[in-house]
Amino acid sequence: MSATRNASTRWTGDLQEGNGVTSFLSSGLPDTPVTWAARANNPEGKTSPEELIAAAHTSCFSMAFSGALSKAGYTADEINTEAAVTFKPGTGITDIVLTVRASIPGIDNDEFQKIAQGAKENCPVSQALKAVPISIEATLG
């Protein structure tokens, strides 16, 4: 079984002053404005490819982590994941930092760190982003 998800962006104007709208075709989520300024400076209510990557990465990691915990016999009360995707104009995406805080009954920190690291390495979005250094800061509690 496989699943294909679709999105589109309509862009008008040049890079610096132009703007676009990203549409989430598969889910029907609200259209989201995207601009160069949101990418390189201040978002001001608009998104960027990097923020969309961060959203994809946090959801993918959280699911992979939850699945890995289940395989190890644990169930998280809560997993909170944040991704910081750094973009440097002229260079591109330079790094991603995943920060996860989770409440998991009965797990010790060593096991928690091992499972979190494995989820970071094995989530499909991490796999797709292998060209970029990805680090993780995981906190139990």
N, C-alpha and C. Protein backbone atom coordinates (compact mmCIF):
# COMPACT_ATOMS: atom_id res chain seq x y z
N MET A 1 0.84 -1.18 0.00
CA MET A 1 0.00 0.00 0.00
C MET A 1 0.88 1.24 0.00
N SER A 2 0.50 2.26 -0.72
CA SER A 2 1.23 3.52 -0.74
C SER A 2 0.22 4.66 -0.76
N ALA A 3 0.71 5.83 -0.43
CA ALA A 3 -0.15 7.02 -0.42
C ALA A 3 0.61 8.16 -1.06
N THR A 4 -0.07 8.90 -1.87
CA THR A 4 0.50 10.09 -2.49
C THR A 4 -0.28 11.30 -1.99
N ARG A 5 0.43 12.31 -1.54
CA ARG A 5 -0.21 13.54 -1.07
C ARG A 5 0.21 14.66 -2.00
N ASN A 6 -0.69 15.61 -2.23
CA ASN A 6 -0.43 16.66 -3.21
C ASN A 6 -0.61 18.04 -2.62
N ALA A 7 0.26 18.93 -3.05
CA ALA A 7 0.17 20.35 -2.74
C ALA A 7 0.60 21.10 -3.99
N SER A 8 0.23 22.36 -4.06
CA SER A 8 0.66 23.18 -5.19
C SER A 8 0.92 24.59 -4.70
N THR A 9 1.72 25.31 -5.46
CA THR A 9 1.96 26.73 -5.17
C THR A 9 1.83 27.50 -6.47
N ARG A 10 1.09 28.59 -6.42
CA ARG A 10 0.96 29.52 -7.54
C ARG A 10 1.76 30.76 -7.15
N TRP A 11 2.75 31.12 -7.95
CA TRP A 11 3.65 32.25 -7.68
C TRP A 11 3.44 33.31 -8.73
N THR A 12 3.44 34.58 -8.32
CA THR A 12 3.38 35.69 -9.26
C THR A 12 4.46 36.70 -8.89
N GLY A 13 5.05 37.32 -9.90
CA GLY A 13 6.07 38.35 -9.67
C GLY A 13 7.47 37.78 -9.57
N ASP A 14 8.40 38.66 -9.26
CA ASP A 14 9.79 38.24 -9.13
C ASP A 14 10.03 37.64 -7.75
N LEU A 15 11.26 37.21 -7.52
CA LEU A 15 11.59 36.55 -6.27
C LEU A 15 11.44 37.47 -5.07
N GLN A 16 12.02 38.64 -5.13
CA GLN A 16 12.06 39.54 -3.98
C GLN A 16 10.70 40.14 -3.62
N GLU A 17 9.95 40.58 -4.62
CA GLU A 17 8.70 41.28 -4.36
C GLU A 17 7.46 40.44 -4.64
N GLY A 18 7.65 39.32 -5.31
CA GLY A 18 6.52 38.47 -5.66
C GLY A 18 5.95 37.75 -4.45
N ASN A 19 4.91 36.98 -4.72
CA ASN A 19 4.32 36.19 -3.65
C ASN A 19 3.60 35.00 -4.24
N GLY A 20 3.27 34.07 -3.37
CA GLY A 20 2.60 32.87 -3.81
C GLY A 20 1.56 32.43 -2.80
N VAL A 21 0.82 31.43 -3.22
CA VAL A 21 -0.16 30.79 -2.35
C VAL A 21 0.04 29.29 -2.49
N THR A 22 0.28 28.65 -1.36
CA THR A 22 0.41 27.19 -1.35
C THR A 22 -0.94 26.60 -0.98
N SER A 23 -1.36 25.63 -1.78
CA SER A 23 -2.63 24.94 -1.56
C SER A 23 -2.34 23.49 -1.17
N PHE A 24 -3.05 23.03 -0.17
CA PHE A 24 -2.90 21.67 0.32
C PHE A 24 -4.01 20.84 -0.32
N LEU A 25 -3.70 20.28 -1.48
CA LEU A 25 -4.71 19.64 -2.31
C LEU A 25 -5.27 18.37 -1.70
N SER A 26 -4.46 17.60 -1.02
CA SER A 26 -4.93 16.33 -0.46
C SER A 26 -5.82 16.53 0.76
N SER A 27 -5.42 17.43 1.64
CA SER A 27 -6.13 17.59 2.91
C SER A 27 -7.21 18.66 2.87
N GLY A 28 -7.08 19.60 1.95
CA GLY A 28 -8.03 20.70 1.90
C GLY A 28 -7.80 21.73 2.99
N LEU A 29 -6.63 21.71 3.63
CA LEU A 29 -6.31 22.73 4.62
C LEU A 29 -6.33 24.10 3.96
N PRO A 30 -6.47 25.15 4.74
CA PRO A 30 -6.54 26.49 4.13
C PRO A 30 -5.30 26.84 3.32
N ASP A 31 -5.53 27.54 2.19
CA ASP A 31 -4.41 28.04 1.40
C ASP A 31 -3.54 28.93 2.28
N THR A 32 -2.24 28.90 2.03
CA THR A 32 -1.29 29.63 2.86
C THR A 32 -0.39 30.50 2.00
N PRO A 33 -0.31 31.80 2.29
CA PRO A 33 0.56 32.69 1.53
C PRO A 33 2.03 32.40 1.82
N VAL A 34 2.86 32.54 0.79
CA VAL A 34 4.29 32.30 0.90
C VAL A 34 5.02 33.42 0.17
N THR A 35 6.12 33.91 0.77
CA THR A 35 6.91 34.99 0.16
C THR A 35 8.39 34.77 0.43
N TRP A 36 9.22 35.46 -0.35
CA TRP A 36 10.65 35.45 -0.09
C TRP A 36 10.94 36.08 1.27
N ALA A 37 10.25 37.16 1.59
CA ALA A 37 10.47 37.82 2.88
C ALA A 37 10.22 36.86 4.03
N ALA A 38 9.20 36.02 3.92
CA ALA A 38 8.93 35.04 4.98
C ALA A 38 10.05 34.02 5.08
N ARG A 39 10.74 33.82 3.99
CA ARG A 39 11.82 32.84 3.96
C ARG A 39 13.11 33.42 4.52
N ALA A 40 13.40 34.65 4.19
CA ALA A 40 14.70 35.22 4.52
C ALA A 40 14.68 36.20 5.68
N ASN A 41 13.51 36.72 6.03
CA ASN A 41 13.44 37.76 7.05
C ASN A 41 12.34 37.45 8.06
N ASN A 42 11.27 38.23 7.99
CA ASN A 42 10.18 38.13 8.94
C ASN A 42 8.95 37.52 8.29
N PRO A 43 8.38 36.46 8.88
CA PRO A 43 7.24 35.81 8.26
C PRO A 43 5.99 36.67 8.10
N GLU A 44 5.69 37.54 9.04
CA GLU A 44 4.54 38.45 8.97
C GLU A 44 3.28 37.75 8.45
N GLY A 45 2.93 36.62 9.03
CA GLY A 45 1.71 35.92 8.66
C GLY A 45 1.79 35.08 7.40
N LYS A 46 2.99 34.93 6.88
CA LYS A 46 3.18 34.11 5.69
C LYS A 46 4.15 32.99 6.02
N THR A 47 4.16 31.96 5.20
CA THR A 47 5.02 30.82 5.49
C THR A 47 6.17 30.75 4.49
N SER A 48 7.00 29.75 4.66
CA SER A 48 8.15 29.52 3.79
C SER A 48 8.33 28.02 3.59
N PRO A 49 9.10 27.63 2.58
CA PRO A 49 9.37 26.20 2.41
C PRO A 49 10.00 25.59 3.67
N GLU A 50 10.83 26.37 4.35
CA GLU A 50 11.50 25.83 5.54
C GLU A 50 10.52 25.58 6.68
N GLU A 51 9.54 26.46 6.83
CA GLU A 51 8.53 26.23 7.87
C GLU A 51 7.68 25.01 7.52
N LEU A 52 7.38 24.83 6.25
CA LEU A 52 6.63 23.66 5.83
C LEU A 52 7.44 22.38 6.06
N ILE A 53 8.75 22.44 5.80
CA ILE A 53 9.62 21.29 6.09
C ILE A 53 9.63 21.01 7.59
N ALA A 54 9.71 22.08 8.40
CA ALA A 54 9.70 21.90 9.86
C ALA A 54 8.41 21.22 10.31
N ALA A 55 7.28 21.64 9.76
CA ALA A 55 6.00 21.02 10.12
C ALA A 55 5.97 19.55 9.72
N ALA A 56 6.43 19.26 8.52
CA ALA A 56 6.47 17.86 8.07
C ALA A 56 7.38 17.03 8.96
N HIS A 57 8.52 17.60 9.33
CA HIS A 57 9.49 16.85 10.12
C HIS A 57 8.98 16.58 11.53
N THR A 58 8.34 17.58 12.16
CA THR A 58 7.86 17.35 13.53
C THR A 58 6.76 16.30 13.56
N SER A 59 5.86 16.33 12.60
CA SER A 59 4.79 15.34 12.61
C SER A 59 5.33 13.95 12.30
N CYS A 60 6.23 13.85 11.35
CA CYS A 60 6.82 12.56 11.00
C CYS A 60 7.62 11.98 12.16
N PHE A 61 8.48 12.81 12.75
CA PHE A 61 9.28 12.34 13.88
C PHE A 61 8.38 11.88 15.03
N SER A 62 7.36 12.66 15.36
CA SER A 62 6.48 12.31 16.49
C SER A 62 5.82 10.96 16.25
N MET A 63 5.39 10.72 15.01
CA MET A 63 4.78 9.42 14.70
C MET A 63 5.81 8.29 14.77
N ALA A 64 7.00 8.52 14.20
CA ALA A 64 8.05 7.50 14.24
C ALA A 64 8.46 7.20 15.67
N PHE A 65 8.58 8.23 16.49
CA PHE A 65 8.96 8.06 17.89
C PHE A 65 7.88 7.27 18.64
N SER A 66 6.63 7.62 18.42
CA SER A 66 5.53 6.90 19.07
C SER A 66 5.54 5.43 18.67
N GLY A 67 5.76 5.16 17.39
CA GLY A 67 5.82 3.78 16.91
C GLY A 67 6.98 3.01 17.51
N ALA A 68 8.15 3.66 17.59
CA ALA A 68 9.33 3.01 18.17
C ALA A 68 9.13 2.75 19.66
N LEU A 69 8.49 3.68 20.34
CA LEU A 69 8.19 3.47 21.77
C LEU A 69 7.27 2.27 21.94
N SER A 70 6.26 2.17 21.11
CA SER A 70 5.33 1.03 21.19
C SER A 70 6.04 -0.29 20.99
N LYS A 71 6.93 -0.34 20.00
CA LYS A 71 7.70 -1.56 19.76
C LYS A 71 8.55 -1.95 20.95
N ALA A 72 9.00 -0.94 21.72
CA ALA A 72 9.82 -1.20 22.91
C ALA A 72 8.97 -1.42 24.16
N GLY A 73 7.63 -1.35 24.01
CA GLY A 73 6.75 -1.61 25.14
C GLY A 73 6.33 -0.40 25.94
N TYR A 74 6.48 0.79 25.38
CA TYR A 74 6.13 2.03 26.08
C TYR A 74 5.03 2.77 25.32
N THR A 75 4.27 3.54 26.07
CA THR A 75 3.27 4.44 25.48
C THR A 75 3.47 5.82 26.08
N ALA A 76 3.68 6.79 25.25
CA ALA A 76 3.90 8.16 25.73
C ALA A 76 2.57 8.77 26.16
N ASP A 77 2.61 9.48 27.28
CA ASP A 77 1.47 10.31 27.65
C ASP A 77 1.38 11.49 26.70
N GLU A 78 2.55 12.01 26.32
CA GLU A 78 2.58 13.17 25.44
C GLU A 78 3.96 13.29 24.81
N ILE A 79 3.98 13.66 23.54
CA ILE A 79 5.23 13.95 22.81
C ILE A 79 5.06 15.33 22.20
N ASN A 80 5.97 16.23 22.51
CA ASN A 80 5.97 17.58 21.91
C ASN A 80 7.27 17.75 21.14
N THR A 81 7.16 17.99 19.86
CA THR A 81 8.33 18.10 19.00
C THR A 81 8.33 19.44 18.29
N GLU A 82 9.48 20.07 18.27
CA GLU A 82 9.68 21.31 17.52
C GLU A 82 10.86 21.09 16.58
N ALA A 83 10.79 21.67 15.40
CA ALA A 83 11.91 21.61 14.45
C ALA A 83 12.33 23.02 14.11
N ALA A 84 13.62 23.27 14.16
CA ALA A 84 14.20 24.54 13.73
C ALA A 84 14.98 24.26 12.45
N VAL A 85 14.47 24.76 11.33
CA VAL A 85 15.10 24.58 10.03
C VAL A 85 15.77 25.90 9.68
N THR A 86 17.09 25.89 9.59
CA THR A 86 17.85 27.11 9.32
C THR A 86 18.11 27.25 7.83
N PHE A 87 17.73 28.41 7.30
CA PHE A 87 17.93 28.74 5.89
C PHE A 87 18.88 29.93 5.79
N LYS A 88 19.91 29.79 4.99
CA LYS A 88 20.86 30.87 4.75
C LYS A 88 20.79 31.24 3.27
N PRO A 89 20.28 32.44 2.94
CA PRO A 89 20.20 32.83 1.53
C PRO A 89 21.55 32.69 0.84
N GLY A 90 21.53 32.12 -0.33
CA GLY A 90 22.75 31.89 -1.09
C GLY A 90 23.40 30.55 -0.80
N THR A 91 23.03 29.95 0.30
CA THR A 91 23.58 28.65 0.68
C THR A 91 22.50 27.57 0.68
N GLY A 92 21.37 27.88 1.29
CA GLY A 92 20.27 26.91 1.38
C GLY A 92 20.01 26.53 2.82
N ILE A 93 19.40 25.38 3.00
CA ILE A 93 19.12 24.87 4.34
C ILE A 93 20.42 24.33 4.90
N THR A 94 20.82 24.86 6.05
CA THR A 94 22.13 24.50 6.62
C THR A 94 22.05 23.47 7.73
N ASP A 95 20.93 23.42 8.45
CA ASP A 95 20.78 22.41 9.49
C ASP A 95 19.35 22.37 9.99
N ILE A 96 19.05 21.28 10.67
CA ILE A 96 17.74 21.09 11.31
C ILE A 96 18.00 20.60 12.72
N VAL A 97 17.33 21.22 13.68
CA VAL A 97 17.40 20.77 15.07
C VAL A 97 16.00 20.35 15.50
N LEU A 98 15.86 19.10 15.86
CA LEU A 98 14.62 18.61 16.44
C LEU A 98 14.74 18.71 17.95
N THR A 99 13.74 19.28 18.58
CA THR A 99 13.69 19.36 20.04
C THR A 99 12.43 18.62 20.47
N VAL A 100 12.61 17.58 21.26
CA VAL A 100 11.47 16.79 21.70
C VAL A 100 11.46 16.73 23.22
N ARG A 101 10.28 16.90 23.77
CA ARG A 101 10.04 16.72 25.20
C ARG A 101 8.88 15.74 25.29
N ALA A 102 9.07 14.69 26.07
CA ALA A 102 8.04 13.68 26.15
C ALA A 102 7.86 13.18 27.58
N SER A 103 6.64 12.80 27.87
CA SER A 103 6.29 12.18 29.14
C SER A 103 5.95 10.73 28.83
N ILE A 104 6.78 9.83 29.35
CA ILE A 104 6.64 8.41 29.03
C ILE A 104 6.79 7.61 30.33
N PRO A 105 5.71 7.06 30.83
CA PRO A 105 5.80 6.29 32.08
C PRO A 105 6.72 5.07 31.94
N GLY A 106 7.55 4.87 32.96
CA GLY A 106 8.35 3.66 33.08
C GLY A 106 9.63 3.59 32.27
N ILE A 107 9.98 4.62 31.53
CA ILE A 107 11.19 4.58 30.71
C ILE A 107 12.32 5.32 31.42
N ASP A 108 13.54 4.81 31.28
CA ASP A 108 14.68 5.57 31.84
C ASP A 108 15.29 6.42 30.74
N ASN A 109 16.13 7.36 31.14
CA ASN A 109 16.66 8.34 30.18
C ASN A 109 17.50 7.70 29.09
N ASP A 110 18.30 6.68 29.43
CA ASP A 110 19.14 6.05 28.41
C ASP A 110 18.29 5.41 27.31
N GLU A 111 17.26 4.69 27.71
CA GLU A 111 16.36 4.06 26.74
C GLU A 111 15.62 5.12 25.93
N PHE A 112 15.18 6.16 26.60
CA PHE A 112 14.50 7.28 25.94
C PHE A 112 15.39 7.89 24.86
N GLN A 113 16.64 8.19 25.20
CA GLN A 113 17.57 8.79 24.24
C GLN A 113 17.83 7.86 23.06
N LYS A 114 17.99 6.58 23.33
CA LYS A 114 18.24 5.60 22.27
C LYS A 114 17.07 5.54 21.29
N ILE A 115 15.86 5.49 21.83
CA ILE A 115 14.67 5.40 20.97
C ILE A 115 14.47 6.71 20.20
N ALA A 116 14.69 7.84 20.86
CA ALA A 116 14.55 9.14 20.17
C ALA A 116 15.55 9.26 19.02
N GLN A 117 16.79 8.86 19.25
CA GLN A 117 17.82 8.91 18.20
C GLN A 117 17.44 8.02 17.03
N GLY A 118 16.97 6.82 17.33
CA GLY A 118 16.55 5.90 16.28
C GLY A 118 15.38 6.45 15.47
N ALA A 119 14.42 7.09 16.15
CA ALA A 119 13.28 7.68 15.44
C ALA A 119 13.75 8.82 14.54
N LYS A 120 14.71 9.63 15.03
CA LYS A 120 15.25 10.72 14.21
C LYS A 120 15.89 10.17 12.95
N GLU A 121 16.64 9.11 13.09
CA GLU A 121 17.36 8.55 11.95
C GLU A 121 16.44 7.83 10.97
N ASN A 122 15.34 7.29 11.47
CA ASN A 122 14.51 6.42 10.64
C ASN A 122 13.19 7.01 10.18
N CYS A 123 12.80 8.18 10.65
CA CYS A 123 11.53 8.72 10.16
C CYS A 123 11.71 9.06 8.68
N PRO A 124 10.69 8.84 7.86
CA PRO A 124 10.82 9.06 6.42
C PRO A 124 11.24 10.48 6.03
N VAL A 125 10.82 11.48 6.78
CA VAL A 125 11.23 12.85 6.43
C VAL A 125 12.72 13.02 6.72
N SER A 126 13.22 12.48 7.84
CA SER A 126 14.66 12.52 8.10
C SER A 126 15.42 11.83 6.98
N GLN A 127 14.90 10.70 6.53
CA GLN A 127 15.54 9.97 5.44
C GLN A 127 15.60 10.82 4.18
N ALA A 128 14.52 11.55 3.90
CA ALA A 128 14.47 12.39 2.69
C ALA A 128 15.40 13.60 2.79
N LEU A 129 15.72 13.99 4.02
CA LEU A 129 16.54 15.20 4.23
C LEU A 129 17.99 14.87 4.61
N LYS A 130 18.46 13.71 4.26
CA LYS A 130 19.80 13.26 4.66
C LYS A 130 20.93 14.20 4.24
N ALA A 131 20.72 15.03 3.25
CA ALA A 131 21.77 15.94 2.79
C ALA A 131 22.03 17.06 3.79
N VAL A 132 21.14 17.21 4.78
CA VAL A 132 21.24 18.29 5.75
C VAL A 132 21.58 17.70 7.13
N PRO A 133 22.50 18.31 7.87
CA PRO A 133 22.75 17.82 9.23
C PRO A 133 21.50 17.97 10.09
N ILE A 134 21.11 16.87 10.74
CA ILE A 134 19.94 16.87 11.63
C ILE A 134 20.41 16.44 13.01
N SER A 135 20.10 17.27 14.01
CA SER A 135 20.44 16.91 15.38
C SER A 135 19.16 16.85 16.20
N ILE A 136 19.28 16.25 17.38
CA ILE A 136 18.11 16.12 18.25
C ILE A 136 18.48 16.47 19.68
N GLU A 137 17.59 17.19 20.31
CA GLU A 137 17.71 17.49 21.74
C GLU A 137 16.47 16.90 22.38
N ALA A 138 16.64 15.81 23.12
CA ALA A 138 15.50 15.09 23.68
C ALA A 138 15.51 15.19 25.20
N THR A 139 14.34 15.57 25.76
CA THR A 139 14.20 15.73 27.19
C THR A 139 13.02 14.90 27.67
N LEU A 140 13.26 14.11 28.67
CA LEU A 140 12.23 13.28 29.27
C LEU A 140 11.66 14.03 30.46
N GLY A 141 10.35 14.09 30.50
CA GLY A 141 9.76 14.73 31.68
C GLY A 141 8.49 15.45 31.42
